C-alpha atoms as a PDB file:
ATOM      1  CA  MET A   1       6.629  -4.358 -13.967  1.00  0.00           C
ATOM      2  CA  ASP A   2       9.416  -6.657 -12.492  1.00  0.00           C
ATOM      3  CA  SER A   3      13.004  -5.404 -11.468  1.00  0.00           C
ATOM      4  CA  LEU A   4      15.001  -7.154 -14.524  1.00  0.00           C
ATOM      5  CA  THR A   5      12.464  -6.076 -17.012  1.00  0.00           C
ATOM      6  CA  GLN A   6      12.801  -2.326 -15.695  1.00  0.00           C
ATOM      7  CA  ILE A   7      16.415  -2.703 -15.331  1.00  0.00           C
ATOM      8  CA  VAL A   8      16.361  -3.515 -19.295  1.00  0.00           C
ATOM      9  CA  LEU A   9      14.071  -0.929 -20.112  1.00  0.00           C
ATOM     10  CA  GLY A  10      16.144   1.649 -18.069  1.00  0.00           C
ATOM     11  CA  ALA A  11      19.469   0.408 -19.767  1.00  0.00           C
ATOM     12  CA  ALA A  12      18.109   0.571 -23.282  1.00  0.00           C
ATOM     13  CA  VAL A  13      16.550   4.064 -22.564  1.00  0.00           C
ATOM     14  CA  GLY A  14      20.253   4.952 -21.120  1.00  0.00           C
ATOM     15  CA  GLU A  15      22.161   3.830 -24.090  1.00  0.00           C
ATOM     16  CA  ALA A  16      19.589   5.551 -26.582  1.00  0.00           C
ATOM     17  CA  VAL A  17      20.324   8.892 -24.759  1.00  0.00           C
ATOM     18  CA  LEU A  18      24.199   8.822 -24.240  1.00  0.00           C
ATOM     19  CA  GLY A  19      25.565   5.487 -25.055  1.00  0.00           C
ATOM     20  CA  LYS A  20      27.316   7.177 -28.163  1.00  0.00           C
ATOM     21  CA  LYS A  21      29.301   9.589 -26.078  1.00  0.00           C
ATOM     22  CA  VAL A  22      29.967   7.150 -22.682  1.00  0.00           C
ATOM     23  CA  GLY A  23      29.498   3.667 -23.977  1.00  0.00           C
ATOM     24  CA  ASN A  24      28.576   1.018 -21.213  1.00  0.00           C
ATOM     25  CA  LYS A  25      28.206   3.370 -18.521  1.00  0.00           C
ATOM     26  CA  ALA A  26      24.874   4.750 -20.323  1.00  0.00           C
ATOM     27  CA  LEU A  27      23.507   1.037 -19.845  1.00  0.00           C
ATOM     28  CA  LEU A  28      24.798   1.167 -16.169  1.00  0.00           C
ATOM     29  CA  TYR A  29      23.187   4.167 -14.912  1.00  0.00           C
ATOM     30  CA  GLY A  30      20.121   3.508 -17.281  1.00  0.00           C
ATOM     31  CA  ALA A  31      19.354   0.217 -15.380  1.00  0.00           C
ATOM     32  CA  ILE A  32      20.138   2.249 -12.387  1.00  0.00           C
ATOM     33  CA  ALA A  33      17.639   5.238 -13.412  1.00  0.00           C
ATOM     34  CA  GLY A  34      14.968   2.219 -14.115  1.00  0.00           C
ATOM     35  CA  THR A  35      15.833   1.086 -10.595  1.00  0.00           C
ATOM     36  CA  ILE A  36      14.942   3.897  -8.668  1.00  0.00           C
ATOM     37  CA  PRO A  37      11.372   4.161  -8.736  1.00  0.00           C
ATOM     38  CA  ASP A  38      10.605   1.194  -7.236  1.00  0.00           C
ATOM     39  CA  LEU A  39      12.799   1.805  -4.038  1.00  0.00           C
ATOM     40  CA  ASP A  40       9.280   2.934  -2.624  1.00  0.00           C
ATOM     41  CA  VAL A  41       8.943  -0.768  -1.414  1.00  0.00           C
ATOM     42  CA  ILE A  42      11.261   0.151   1.725  1.00  0.00           C
ATOM     43  CA  ALA A  43       8.137   2.250   2.919  1.00  0.00           C
ATOM     44  CA  ARG A  44       6.970  -1.031   3.921  1.00  0.00           C
ATOM     45  CA  PHE A  45       9.506  -1.104   6.817  1.00  0.00           C
ATOM     46  CA  PHE A  46       8.811   2.321   8.216  1.00  0.00           C
ATOM     47  CA  VAL A  47       4.788   2.570   7.755  1.00  0.00           C
ATOM     48  CA  ASP A  48       1.335   0.709   8.463  1.00  0.00           C
ATOM     49  CA  THR A  49       0.351  -1.741   5.397  1.00  0.00           C
ATOM     50  CA  VAL A  50      -2.169   0.569   4.243  1.00  0.00           C
ATOM     51  CA  THR A  51       0.000   3.618   4.096  1.00  0.00           C
ATOM     52  CA  ALA A  52       2.541   1.275   2.297  1.00  0.00           C
ATOM     53  CA  THR A  53       0.047   0.215  -0.025  1.00  0.00           C
ATOM     54  CA  GLU A  54      -0.848   3.455  -1.138  1.00  0.00           C
ATOM     55  CA  TRP A  55       2.331   5.126  -1.351  1.00  0.00           C
ATOM     56  CA  HIS A  56       3.535   2.221  -3.782  1.00  0.00           C
ATOM     57  CA  ARG A  57       3.904   3.816  -7.376  1.00  0.00           C
ATOM     58  CA  GLY A  58       2.861   6.760  -5.908  1.00  0.00           C
ATOM     59  CA  PHE A  59       5.163  10.047  -5.548  1.00  0.00           C
ATOM     60  CA  SER A  60       8.200   7.995  -7.105  1.00  0.00           C
ATOM     61  CA  HIS A  61       6.579   6.775  -9.984  1.00  0.00           C
ATOM     62  CA  SER A  62       5.493  10.711 -11.133  1.00  0.00           C
ATOM     63  CA  ILE A  63       5.887  13.304 -13.733  1.00  0.00           C
ATOM     64  CA  LEU A  64       7.293  15.638 -10.675  1.00  0.00           C
ATOM     65  CA  PHE A  65       9.253  13.078  -9.206  1.00  0.00           C
ATOM     66  CA  SER A  66      11.276  12.749 -12.701  1.00  0.00           C
ATOM     67  CA  VAL A  67      11.648  16.348 -12.924  1.00  0.00           C
ATOM     68  CA  LEU A  68      12.971  17.130  -9.684  1.00  0.00           C
ATOM     69  CA  PHE A  69      15.391  14.236  -9.170  1.00  0.00           C
ATOM     70  CA  ALA A  70      16.953  13.913 -12.607  1.00  0.00           C
ATOM     71  CA  PRO A  71      19.236  16.638 -12.228  1.00  0.00           C
ATOM     72  CA  LEU A  72      20.164  15.557  -8.853  1.00  0.00           C
ATOM     73  CA  PHE A  73      21.195  12.182  -9.897  1.00  0.00           C
ATOM     74  CA  GLY A  74      22.633  13.877 -12.938  1.00  0.00           C
ATOM     75  CA  TRP A  75      24.612  15.563 -11.124  1.00  0.00           C
ATOM     76  CA  LEU A  76      26.036  13.275  -8.499  1.00  0.00           C
ATOM     77  CA  VAL A  77      26.740  11.125 -11.878  1.00  0.00           C
ATOM     78  CA  TRP A  78      28.723  13.717 -13.486  1.00  0.00           C
ATOM     79  CA  LYS A  79      30.929  14.683 -10.049  1.00  0.00           C
ATOM     80  CA  LEU A  80      31.575  10.970 -10.307  1.00  0.00           C
ATOM     81  CA  HIS A  81      32.803  11.053 -14.088  1.00  0.00           C
ATOM     82  CA  ARG A  82      33.879  14.341 -14.755  1.00  0.00           C
ATOM     83  CA  LYS A  83      36.677  12.969 -17.522  1.00  0.00           C
ATOM     84  CA  ALA A  84      33.748  11.692 -19.503  1.00  0.00           C
ATOM     85  CA  GLU A  85      32.334  13.562 -22.634  1.00  0.00           C
ATOM     86  CA  ALA A  86      28.957  13.911 -20.823  1.00  0.00           C
ATOM     87  CA  THR A  87      27.846  17.171 -19.317  1.00  0.00           C
ATOM     88  CA  TRP A  88      25.588  17.243 -16.245  1.00  0.00           C
ATOM     89  CA  LYS A  89      22.873  18.480 -18.565  1.00  0.00           C
ATOM     90  CA  ASP A  90      23.638  14.892 -20.568  1.00  0.00           C
ATOM     91  CA  TRP A  91      23.651  12.751 -17.540  1.00  0.00           C
ATOM     92  CA  SER A  92      20.016  14.647 -16.275  1.00  0.00           C
ATOM     93  CA  TRP A  93      18.819  13.987 -19.229  1.00  0.00           C
ATOM     94  CA  LEU A  94      19.764  10.379 -19.016  1.00  0.00           C
ATOM     95  CA  PHE A  95      18.075   9.903 -15.561  1.00  0.00           C
ATOM     96  CA  PHE A  96      14.878  11.921 -16.573  1.00  0.00           C
ATOM     97  CA  TRP A  97      14.464   9.148 -19.438  1.00  0.00           C
ATOM     98  CA  GLY A  98      15.266   6.248 -17.332  1.00  0.00           C
ATOM     99  CA  LEU A  99      12.951   7.281 -14.484  1.00  0.00           C
ATOM    100  CA  PHE A 100      10.031   8.634 -16.609  1.00  0.00           C
ATOM    101  CA  THR A 101       9.694   5.710 -18.540  1.00  0.00           C
ATOM    102  CA  HIS A 102       9.412   3.066 -15.745  1.00  0.00           C
ATOM    103  CA  PRO A 103       6.124   4.451 -14.704  1.00  0.00           C
ATOM    104  CA  ILE A 104       5.213   4.541 -18.280  1.00  0.00           C
ATOM    105  CA  LEU A 105       5.609   0.905 -18.700  1.00  0.00           C
ATOM    106  CA  ASP A 106       4.162   0.439 -15.306  1.00  0.00           C
ATOM    107  CA  ALA A 107       0.812   1.813 -16.147  1.00  0.00           C
ATOM    108  CA  PHE A 108       0.138  -0.800 -18.847  1.00  0.00           C
ATOM    109  CA  THR A 109      -0.217  -3.133 -15.624  1.00  0.00           C
ATOM    110  CA  THR A 110      -2.952  -3.797 -13.453  1.00  0.00           C
ATOM    111  CA  TRP A 111      -1.519  -1.452 -10.357  1.00  0.00           C
ATOM    112  CA  GLY A 112      -0.845   1.465 -12.558  1.00  0.00           C
ATOM    113  CA  THR A 113       0.844   4.422 -11.653  1.00  0.00           C
ATOM    114  CA  GLN A 114       0.026   8.156  -9.962  1.00  0.00           C
ATOM    115  CA  LEU A 115       2.112   9.744 -13.033  1.00  0.00           C
ATOM    116  CA  PHE A 116       0.171  12.804 -12.514  1.00  0.00           C
ATOM    117  CA  TRP A 117       0.662  12.841  -8.452  1.00  0.00           C
ATOM    118  CA  PRO A 118      -0.258  14.700  -6.480  1.00  0.00           C
ATOM    119  CA  SER A 119      -3.560  13.777  -8.217  1.00  0.00           C
ATOM    120  CA  GLU A 120      -4.822  10.420  -6.801  1.00  0.00           C
ATOM    121  CA  THR A 121      -5.713   9.414 -10.219  1.00  0.00           C
ATOM    122  CA  LYS A 122      -3.856   6.140 -11.405  1.00  0.00           C
ATOM    123  CA  LEU A 123      -3.334   5.326 -15.025  1.00  0.00           C
ATOM    124  CA  ALA A 124      -3.553   1.917 -15.395  1.00  0.00           C
ATOM    125  CA  PHE A 125      -4.555  -0.044 -18.857  1.00  0.00           C
ATOM    126  CA  GLN A 126      -4.253  -3.421 -17.331  1.00  0.00           C
ATOM    127  CA  SER A 127      -2.955  -4.942 -20.437  1.00  0.00           C
ATOM    128  CA  ILE A 128       0.206  -6.680 -19.447  1.00  0.00           C
ATOM    129  CA  PHE A 129       0.975  -8.829 -16.164  1.00  0.00           C
ATOM    130  CA  VAL A 130       3.629  -7.700 -13.888  1.00  0.00           C
ATOM    131  CA  ILE A 131       6.087 -10.601 -15.243  1.00  0.00           C
ATOM    132  CA  ASP A 132       5.827 -10.739 -18.959  1.00  0.00           C
ATOM    133  CA  PRO A 133       8.286 -13.237 -20.812  1.00  0.00           C
ATOM    134  CA  PHE A 134       7.244 -11.970 -24.372  1.00  0.00           C
ATOM    135  CA  TYR A 135       8.015  -8.387 -23.404  1.00  0.00           C
ATOM    136  CA  THR A 136      11.296  -8.693 -21.225  1.00  0.00           C
ATOM    137  CA  LEU A 137      13.430 -11.575 -23.046  1.00  0.00           C
ATOM    138  CA  PRO A 138      13.695 -10.406 -26.430  1.00  0.00           C
ATOM    139  CA  PHE A 139      14.633  -6.700 -25.272  1.00  0.00           C
ATOM    140  CA  LEU A 140      17.107  -8.734 -22.444  1.00  0.00           C
ATOM    141  CA  PHE A 141      19.050 -10.364 -25.496  1.00  0.00           C
ATOM    142  CA  LEU A 142      19.280  -7.470 -27.639  1.00  0.00           C
ATOM    143  CA  VAL A 143      20.296  -5.407 -24.666  1.00  0.00           C
ATOM    144  CA  VAL A 144      23.389  -7.764 -24.081  1.00  0.00           C
ATOM    145  CA  LEU A 145      24.447  -7.683 -27.645  1.00  0.00           C
ATOM    146  CA  VAL A 146      24.328  -3.860 -26.972  1.00  0.00           C
ATOM    147  CA  LEU A 147      26.980  -4.787 -24.135  1.00  0.00           C
ATOM    148  CA  PHE A 148      29.628  -6.154 -26.359  1.00  0.00           C
ATOM    149  CA  GLN A 149      29.440  -3.778 -29.314  1.00  0.00           C
ATOM    150  CA  LYS A 150      31.998  -1.272 -29.495  1.00  0.00           C
ATOM    151  CA  ARG A 151      30.223   2.564 -28.280  1.00  0.00           C
ATOM    152  CA  THR A 152      30.704   3.941 -31.774  1.00  0.00           C
ATOM    153  CA  ALA A 153      29.615   0.796 -33.612  1.00  0.00           C
ATOM    154  CA  LEU A 154      26.726   1.292 -36.029  1.00  0.00           C
ATOM    155  CA  LYS A 155      25.390  -2.464 -34.672  1.00  0.00           C
ATOM    156  CA  ARG A 156      25.167  -1.010 -31.266  1.00  0.00           C
ATOM    157  CA  LYS A 157      22.905   1.594 -32.296  1.00  0.00           C
ATOM    158  CA  ARG A 158      20.789  -0.818 -34.394  1.00  0.00           C
ATOM    159  CA  TYR A 159      20.451  -3.492 -31.397  1.00  0.00           C
ATOM    160  CA  ASN A 160      19.637  -0.771 -29.042  1.00  0.00           C
ATOM    161  CA  ARG A 161      16.800   0.648 -31.614  1.00  0.00           C
ATOM    162  CA  LEU A 162      15.338  -3.113 -32.449  1.00  0.00           C
ATOM    163  CA  GLY A 163      14.948  -3.705 -28.834  1.00  0.00           C
ATOM    164  CA  LEU A 164      13.199  -0.029 -28.089  1.00  0.00           C
ATOM    165  CA  ILE A 165      10.701  -1.068 -31.234  1.00  0.00           C
ATOM    166  CA  ILE A 166      10.103  -4.586 -30.481  1.00  0.00           C
ATOM    167  CA  SER A 167       8.890  -3.889 -26.753  1.00  0.00           C
ATOM    168  CA  SER A 168       7.058  -0.655 -27.470  1.00  0.00           C
ATOM    169  CA  SER A 169       5.469  -2.720 -30.145  1.00  0.00           C
ATOM    170  CA  TYR A 170       4.532  -5.254 -28.117  1.00  0.00           C
ATOM    171  CA  LEU A 171       2.969  -2.930 -25.654  1.00  0.00           C
ATOM    172  CA  VAL A 172       0.686  -1.613 -28.256  1.00  0.00           C
ATOM    173  CA  LEU A 173      -0.138  -4.985 -29.176  1.00  0.00           C
ATOM    174  CA  THR A 174      -1.507  -6.038 -25.609  1.00  0.00           C
ATOM    175  CA  LEU A 175      -3.814  -3.262 -25.825  1.00  0.00           C
ATOM    176  CA  VAL A 176      -5.351  -4.723 -28.969  1.00  0.00           C
ATOM    177  CA  LEU A 177      -5.569  -8.255 -27.578  1.00  0.00           C
ATOM    178  CA  LYS A 178      -7.192  -6.759 -24.590  1.00  0.00           C
ATOM    179  CA  GLY A 179      -9.697  -5.378 -26.921  1.00  0.00           C
ATOM    180  CA  ILE A 180     -10.228  -8.635 -28.712  1.00  0.00           C
ATOM    181  CA  SER A 181     -11.076 -10.150 -24.657  1.00  0.00           C
ATOM    182  CA  TYR A 182     -12.968  -7.496 -24.000  1.00  0.00           C
ATOM    183  CA  LYS A 183     -15.429  -8.094 -26.410  1.00  0.00           C
ATOM    184  CA  ALA A 184     -15.428 -11.804 -26.563  1.00  0.00           C
ATOM    185  CA  PHE A 185     -16.502 -11.371 -22.276  1.00  0.00           C
ATOM    186  CA  THR A 186     -19.159  -8.964 -23.011  1.00  0.00           C
ATOM    187  CA  ASN A 187     -20.408 -10.946 -25.700  1.00  0.00           C
ATOM    188  CA  SER A 188     -20.540 -13.873 -23.518  1.00  0.00           C
ATOM    189  CA  LEU A 189     -22.652 -12.129 -21.012  1.00  0.00           C
ATOM    190  CA  LYS A 190     -25.174 -11.204 -23.556  1.00  0.00           C
ATOM    191  CA  SER A 191     -25.668 -14.498 -24.833  1.00  0.00           C
ATOM    192  CA  GLN A 192     -25.910 -15.941 -21.331  1.00  0.00           C
ATOM    193  CA  HIS A 193     -28.321 -12.928 -20.114  1.00  0.00           C
ATOM    194  CA  ILE A 194     -26.118 -11.714 -17.384  1.00  0.00           C
ATOM    195  CA  VAL A 195     -26.850  -8.299 -16.261  1.00  0.00           C
ATOM    196  CA  TYR A 196     -23.806  -6.415 -14.730  1.00  0.00           C
ATOM    197  CA  ASN A 197     -22.575  -2.900 -13.632  1.00  0.00           C
ATOM    198  CA  ASP A 198     -19.137  -2.874 -14.765  1.00  0.00           C
ATOM    199  CA  ILE A 199     -16.397  -5.037 -16.051  1.00  0.00           C
ATOM    200  CA  SER A 200     -12.446  -5.102 -15.795  1.00  0.00           C
ATOM    201  CA  VAL A 201     -10.561  -7.279 -17.937  1.00  0.00           C
ATOM    202  CA  ARG A 202      -6.878  -7.937 -17.673  1.00  0.00           C
ATOM    203  CA  PRO A 203      -4.416 -10.781 -18.693  1.00  0.00           C
ATOM    204  CA  SER A 204      -3.593 -13.694 -16.651  1.00  0.00           C
ATOM    205  CA  PRO A 205      -0.134 -14.110 -15.158  1.00  0.00           C
ATOM    206  CA  PHE A 206       2.940 -14.135 -17.394  1.00  0.00           C
ATOM    207  CA  ASN A 207       1.092 -14.244 -20.905  1.00  0.00           C
ATOM    208  CA  THR A 208      -1.411 -12.279 -23.159  1.00  0.00           C
ATOM    209  CA  ILE A 209      -3.170 -15.177 -24.467  1.00  0.00           C
ATOM    210  CA  LEU A 210      -5.145 -16.341 -21.456  1.00  0.00           C
ATOM    211  CA  TRP A 211      -7.730 -13.035 -19.929  1.00  0.00           C
ATOM    212  CA  THR A 212      -9.838 -12.411 -17.097  1.00  0.00           C
ATOM    213  CA  ALA A 213     -12.529 -10.593 -16.418  1.00  0.00           C
ATOM    214  CA  ASN A 214     -14.014  -9.213 -12.873  1.00  0.00           C
ATOM    215  CA  ILE A 215     -17.982  -8.670 -13.543  1.00  0.00           C
ATOM    216  CA  ASP A 216     -19.646  -6.081 -11.000  1.00  0.00           C
ATOM    217  CA  THR A 217     -23.536  -7.373 -10.778  1.00  0.00           C
ATOM    218  CA  ASP A 218     -25.493  -5.858  -7.713  1.00  0.00           C
ATOM    219  CA  ASP A 219     -25.008  -8.358  -5.048  1.00  0.00           C
ATOM    220  CA  ALA A 220     -21.933 -10.529  -6.177  1.00  0.00           C
ATOM    221  CA  TYR A 221     -18.434 -10.327  -8.520  1.00  0.00           C
ATOM    222  CA  LEU A 222     -18.325 -12.658 -11.659  1.00  0.00           C
ATOM    223  CA  ILE A 223     -14.731 -13.992 -12.736  1.00  0.00           C
ATOM    224  CA  GLY A 224     -14.588 -15.566 -16.241  1.00  0.00           C
ATOM    225  CA  ASN A 225     -11.353 -16.715 -17.897  1.00  0.00           C
ATOM    226  CA  TYR A 226     -10.929 -16.462 -21.567  1.00  0.00           C
ATOM    227  CA  SER A 227      -7.946 -17.776 -23.895  1.00  0.00           C
ATOM    228  CA  PHE A 228      -7.822 -17.064 -27.710  1.00  0.00           C
ATOM    229  CA  PHE A 229      -7.758 -20.916 -27.995  1.00  0.00           C
ATOM    230  CA  ASP A 230     -11.033 -21.358 -26.201  1.00  0.00           C
ATOM    231  CA  THR A 231     -13.970 -23.146 -28.035  1.00  0.00           C
ATOM    232  CA  GLN A 232     -16.507 -22.922 -25.552  1.00  0.00           C
ATOM    233  CA  GLU A 233     -18.554 -20.519 -23.601  1.00  0.00           C
ATOM    234  CA  ILE A 234     -17.070 -18.622 -21.468  1.00  0.00           C
ATOM    235  CA  HIS A 235     -17.986 -19.903 -17.737  1.00  0.00           C
ATOM    236  CA  PHE A 236     -18.256 -17.428 -14.748  1.00  0.00           C
ATOM    237  CA  GLU A 237     -17.723 -17.985 -11.331  1.00  0.00           C
ATOM    238  CA  SER A 238     -19.749 -15.990  -8.586  1.00  0.00           C
ATOM    239  CA  TYR A 239     -18.412 -14.477  -5.128  1.00  0.00           C
ATOM    240  CA  PRO A 240     -20.501 -12.788  -3.130  1.00  0.00           C
ATOM    241  CA  LYS A 241     -19.228  -9.067  -1.919  1.00  0.00           C
ATOM    242  CA  ASN A 242     -20.126  -9.448   1.402  1.00  0.00           C
ATOM    243  CA  HIS A 243     -19.596  -5.823   2.182  1.00  0.00           C
ATOM    244  CA  GLU A 244     -22.331  -5.874   5.222  1.00  0.00           C
ATOM    245  CA  ARG A 245     -19.960  -8.362   7.332  1.00  0.00           C
ATOM    246  CA  LEU A 246     -17.747  -5.075   7.693  1.00  0.00           C
ATOM    247  CA  GLY A 247     -20.452  -3.218   9.699  1.00  0.00           C
ATOM    248  CA  ALA A 248     -19.143  -0.822  11.831  1.00  0.00           C
ATOM    249  CA  LEU A 249     -15.687  -1.502  10.171  1.00  0.00           C
ATOM    250  CA  LEU A 250     -17.118   0.290   7.058  1.00  0.00           C
ATOM    251  CA  GLU A 251     -16.526   3.752   8.510  1.00  0.00           C
ATOM    252  CA  THR A 252     -13.052   3.518   9.872  1.00  0.00           C
ATOM    253  CA  ASP A 253     -10.258   5.305   7.841  1.00  0.00           C
ATOM    254  CA  LYS A 254      -8.592   2.195   7.036  1.00  0.00           C
ATOM    255  CA  ILE A 255     -11.311   0.627   5.353  1.00  0.00           C
ATOM    256  CA  GLU A 256     -12.042   3.892   3.314  1.00  0.00           C
ATOM    257  CA  ARG A 257      -8.370   3.687   2.042  1.00  0.00           C
ATOM    258  CA  LEU A 258      -8.483   0.012   1.451  1.00  0.00           C
ATOM    259  CA  ILE A 259     -11.429   0.644  -0.663  1.00  0.00           C
ATOM    260  CA  ALA A 260     -10.114   3.457  -2.441  1.00  0.00           C
ATOM    261  CA  ILE A 261      -6.979   1.270  -3.285  1.00  0.00           C
ATOM    262  CA  SER A 262      -9.213  -1.787  -4.677  1.00  0.00           C
ATOM    263  CA  GLU A 263     -11.155   0.932  -6.713  1.00  0.00           C
ATOM    264  CA  GLY A 264     -14.057  -0.689  -4.929  1.00  0.00           C
ATOM    265  CA  TRP A 265     -13.370  -4.452  -6.485  1.00  0.00           C
ATOM    266  CA  TYR A 266     -13.315  -5.827  -3.162  1.00  0.00           C
ATOM    267  CA  THR A 267     -14.729  -8.691  -1.228  1.00  0.00           C
ATOM    268  CA  ILE A 268     -14.910  -9.420   2.520  1.00  0.00           C
ATOM    269  CA  THR A 269     -14.338 -13.088   3.655  1.00  0.00           C
ATOM    270  CA  GLU A 270     -13.885 -14.548   6.973  1.00  0.00           C
ATOM    271  CA  LYS A 271     -12.208 -17.766   8.008  1.00  0.00           C
ATOM    272  CA  GLU A 272     -11.902 -18.767  11.758  1.00  0.00           C
ATOM    273  CA  ASP A 273     -13.948 -15.612  13.187  1.00  0.00           C
ATOM    274  CA  VAL A 274     -11.314 -13.176  11.213  1.00  0.00           C
ATOM    275  CA  LEU A 275     -12.129 -10.872   8.442  1.00  0.00           C
ATOM    276  CA  TYR A 276     -10.101 -10.614   4.751  1.00  0.00           C
ATOM    277  CA  PHE A 277     -10.509  -7.593   2.592  1.00  0.00           C
ATOM    278  CA  ASN A 278      -9.602  -9.175  -1.096  1.00  0.00           C
ATOM    279  CA  ASP A 279      -8.464  -6.526  -3.540  1.00  0.00           C
ATOM    280  CA  LEU A 280     -10.386  -7.994  -6.832  1.00  0.00           C
ATOM    281  CA  ARG A 281      -8.050  -6.412  -9.244  1.00  0.00           C
ATOM    282  CA  PHE A 282      -5.528  -9.127  -8.869  1.00  0.00           C
ATOM    283  CA  GLY A 283      -7.879 -12.333  -8.930  1.00  0.00           C
ATOM    284  CA  LEU A 284      -7.802 -15.300  -7.173  1.00  0.00           C
ATOM    285  CA  MET A 285      -4.312 -17.700  -6.502  1.00  0.00           C
ATOM    286  CA  SER A 286      -4.763 -19.975  -9.297  1.00  0.00           C
ATOM    287  CA  LEU A 287      -7.445 -20.999 -11.679  1.00  0.00           C
ATOM    288  CA  ASP A 288      -8.831 -23.500 -10.154  1.00  0.00           C
ATOM    289  CA  PRO A 289     -12.834 -23.137 -10.326  1.00  0.00           C
ATOM    290  CA  LYS A 290     -13.016 -24.132  -6.423  1.00  0.00           C
ATOM    291  CA  GLU A 291     -10.266 -21.751  -5.606  1.00  0.00           C
ATOM    292  CA  SER A 292     -10.754 -19.102  -2.751  1.00  0.00           C
ATOM    293  CA  LYS A 293      -7.906 -17.814  -1.726  1.00  0.00           C
ATOM    294  CA  PHE A 294      -7.359 -13.881  -3.390  1.00  0.00           C
ATOM    295  CA  ALA A 295      -3.915 -12.721  -4.853  1.00  0.00           C
ATOM    296  CA  PHE A 296      -4.144  -9.740  -2.385  1.00  0.00           C
ATOM    297  CA  SER A 297      -5.938 -10.171   0.504  1.00  0.00           C
ATOM    298  CA  TYR A 298      -5.505  -8.212   3.698  1.00  0.00           C
ATOM    299  CA  GLU A 299      -6.181  -9.671   7.217  1.00  0.00           C
ATOM    300  CA  LEU A 300      -8.423  -7.147   9.778  1.00  0.00           C
ATOM    301  CA  ASP A 301      -7.390  -7.691  13.016  1.00  0.00           C
ATOM    302  CA  THR A 302     -10.450  -6.186  15.166  1.00  0.00           C
ATOM    303  CA  THR A 303      -8.817  -7.129  18.307  1.00  0.00           C
ATOM    304  CA  THR A 304      -6.949  -4.008  19.272  1.00  0.00           C
ATOM    305  CA  PRO A 305      -8.682  -0.683  19.993  1.00  0.00           C
ATOM    306  CA  GLU A 306      -7.224   0.763  16.497  1.00  0.00           C
ATOM    307  CA  LEU A 307      -8.078  -1.653  13.442  1.00  0.00           C
ATOM    308  CA  LYS A 308      -5.122  -3.381  12.316  1.00  0.00           C
ATOM    309  CA  VAL A 309      -4.367  -4.674   8.695  1.00  0.00           C
ATOM    310  CA  LYS A 310      -2.152  -6.903   7.450  1.00  0.00           C
ATOM    311  CA  GLU A 311      -1.250  -8.615   4.040  1.00  0.00           C
ATOM    312  CA  THR A 312      -1.650 -12.069   3.876  1.00  0.00           C
ATOM    313  CA  PRO A 313       1.739 -14.177   2.773  1.00  0.00           C
ATOM    314  CA  LYS A 314       1.961 -16.010  -0.382  1.00  0.00           C
ATOM    315  CA  PHE A 315       3.438 -19.344  -0.664  1.00  0.00           C
ATOM    316  CA  ARG A 316       6.058 -20.907  -3.129  1.00  0.00           C
ATOM    317  CA  GLU A 317       3.126 -23.734  -3.462  1.00  0.00           C
ATOM    318  CA  ASP A 318       0.642 -21.233  -4.517  1.00  0.00           C
ATOM    319  CA  ALA A 319       2.685 -19.973  -7.380  1.00  0.00           C
ATOM    320  CA  ASN A 320       3.789 -23.507  -8.399  1.00  0.00           C
ATOM    321  CA  LYS A 321       0.319 -24.500  -8.404  1.00  0.00           C
ATOM    322  CA  LEU A 322      -0.768 -21.515 -10.271  1.00  0.00           C
ATOM    323  CA  ILE A 323       1.762 -22.257 -12.895  1.00  0.00           C
ATOM    324  CA  SER A 324       0.569 -25.629 -13.674  1.00  0.00           C
ATOM    325  CA  LEU A 325      -3.054 -25.091 -14.244  1.00  0.00           C
ATOM    326  CA  LEU A 326      -2.186 -21.708 -16.151  1.00  0.00           C
ATOM    327  CA  TRP A 327      -0.462 -23.765 -18.633  1.00  0.00           C
ATOM    328  CA  THR A 328      -3.146 -26.474 -19.384  1.00  0.00           C
ATOM    329  CA  ARG A 329      -5.887 -23.334 -19.383  1.00  0.00           C
ATOM    330  CA  ILE A 330      -3.866 -21.474 -22.177  1.00  0.00           C
ATOM    331  CA  TRP A 331      -4.418 -23.992 -24.498  1.00  0.00           C
ATOM    332  CA  GLY A 332      -8.378 -23.648 -24.534  1.00  0.00           C
ATOM    333  CA  ASN A 333     -11.349 -24.835 -22.416  1.00  0.00           C
END
C-alpha cells in the first residue's frame, strides 16, 4: 500500500500496543515502524532494475525481518526514552507488530509480499489497489481523533479500535467483492464460449467497484473490465503474447528473472526496433480500449554485450487520463 496508508496502520497498531503507557509516542513510533519495510526501494540506487524489482517487498516484508529487527529498533527507542513507562520488551513488541502488519496489508495488493522469505512464494490476494481512499480516509480520520485525546481517555481507545475494525472489515469485504467479480468474469467467458487456461482478477485503481481480469489463452491475453453497475456483457480486448520475439533473449538470466517476477503474465511489444517486456499483472495505463501502454513496462537494451533492463517512466498526463476514464467507467458500460 501507499506510504500514507502504512503510516496510518502503523500508528494505530502502535497505539493499540503501547498507547496507554506512552501516549502519542506510540502513534509516532508505530508510524515509523509501518514505514520501515518500504525503505527497500532505496535498493534501486545501488543495483540494477531487475534486482531492485526482485528485492522489493522481499526480506524487509517478511516475518523473519520483523522478528530480527523488532528487538533492535525497540532497544534504540528504549535507550532514547528511558524515563518512559515502557520497557525494552514493550517497545520491541510495538515494533514487531508495526513491522509485521505492514506486509500483511501489502499481501492484499497485486504485488504481494514474500512474507515467508527466504521462500520465493509471494502472498498476493489481489483484492485492493495500492491506493484506496475507502480504506485509508476513514482510518486516518479516526487516528487523528486519537491524537487529540488524553492517553488514559476511554475515547482514545474506542476511536483507535474502531479504526482498526473498520479498516480490517473493509479488507475482508474486498475479498468478497473479488469473488463476486470473478464469478461475473467466468460466467461471461462461458457465455461467449471463450476457452482459456487461467484467469487473474484484481481491482482497478482507487476503488473496489470496477474490476479487471487478465485471461490467458493459447496465443494471446484477454483483458476485460467489470463494474458492479454494468448492464451489458463484458467485452474482452486481445493482446498478443509475442513471446517468440524474445528469441535468444529468452535464455538470458535477466529475462528468466523478469518472467519469474511477472509470474508468467507478460507480453512483448516492439517500438522503433526496441523490445519491451510488459508485466501484465498491473494492466494498462488507462481504460481506453485502444490503449497500448502498460503500467509496468521494461525496455530491453540489446546494444551492449550484456542485456540492460530499464523500467519505462510514468507521466502525470497518463495518471490524469486514467482518472478521467476511470470515473466514467465505474458507473457502468
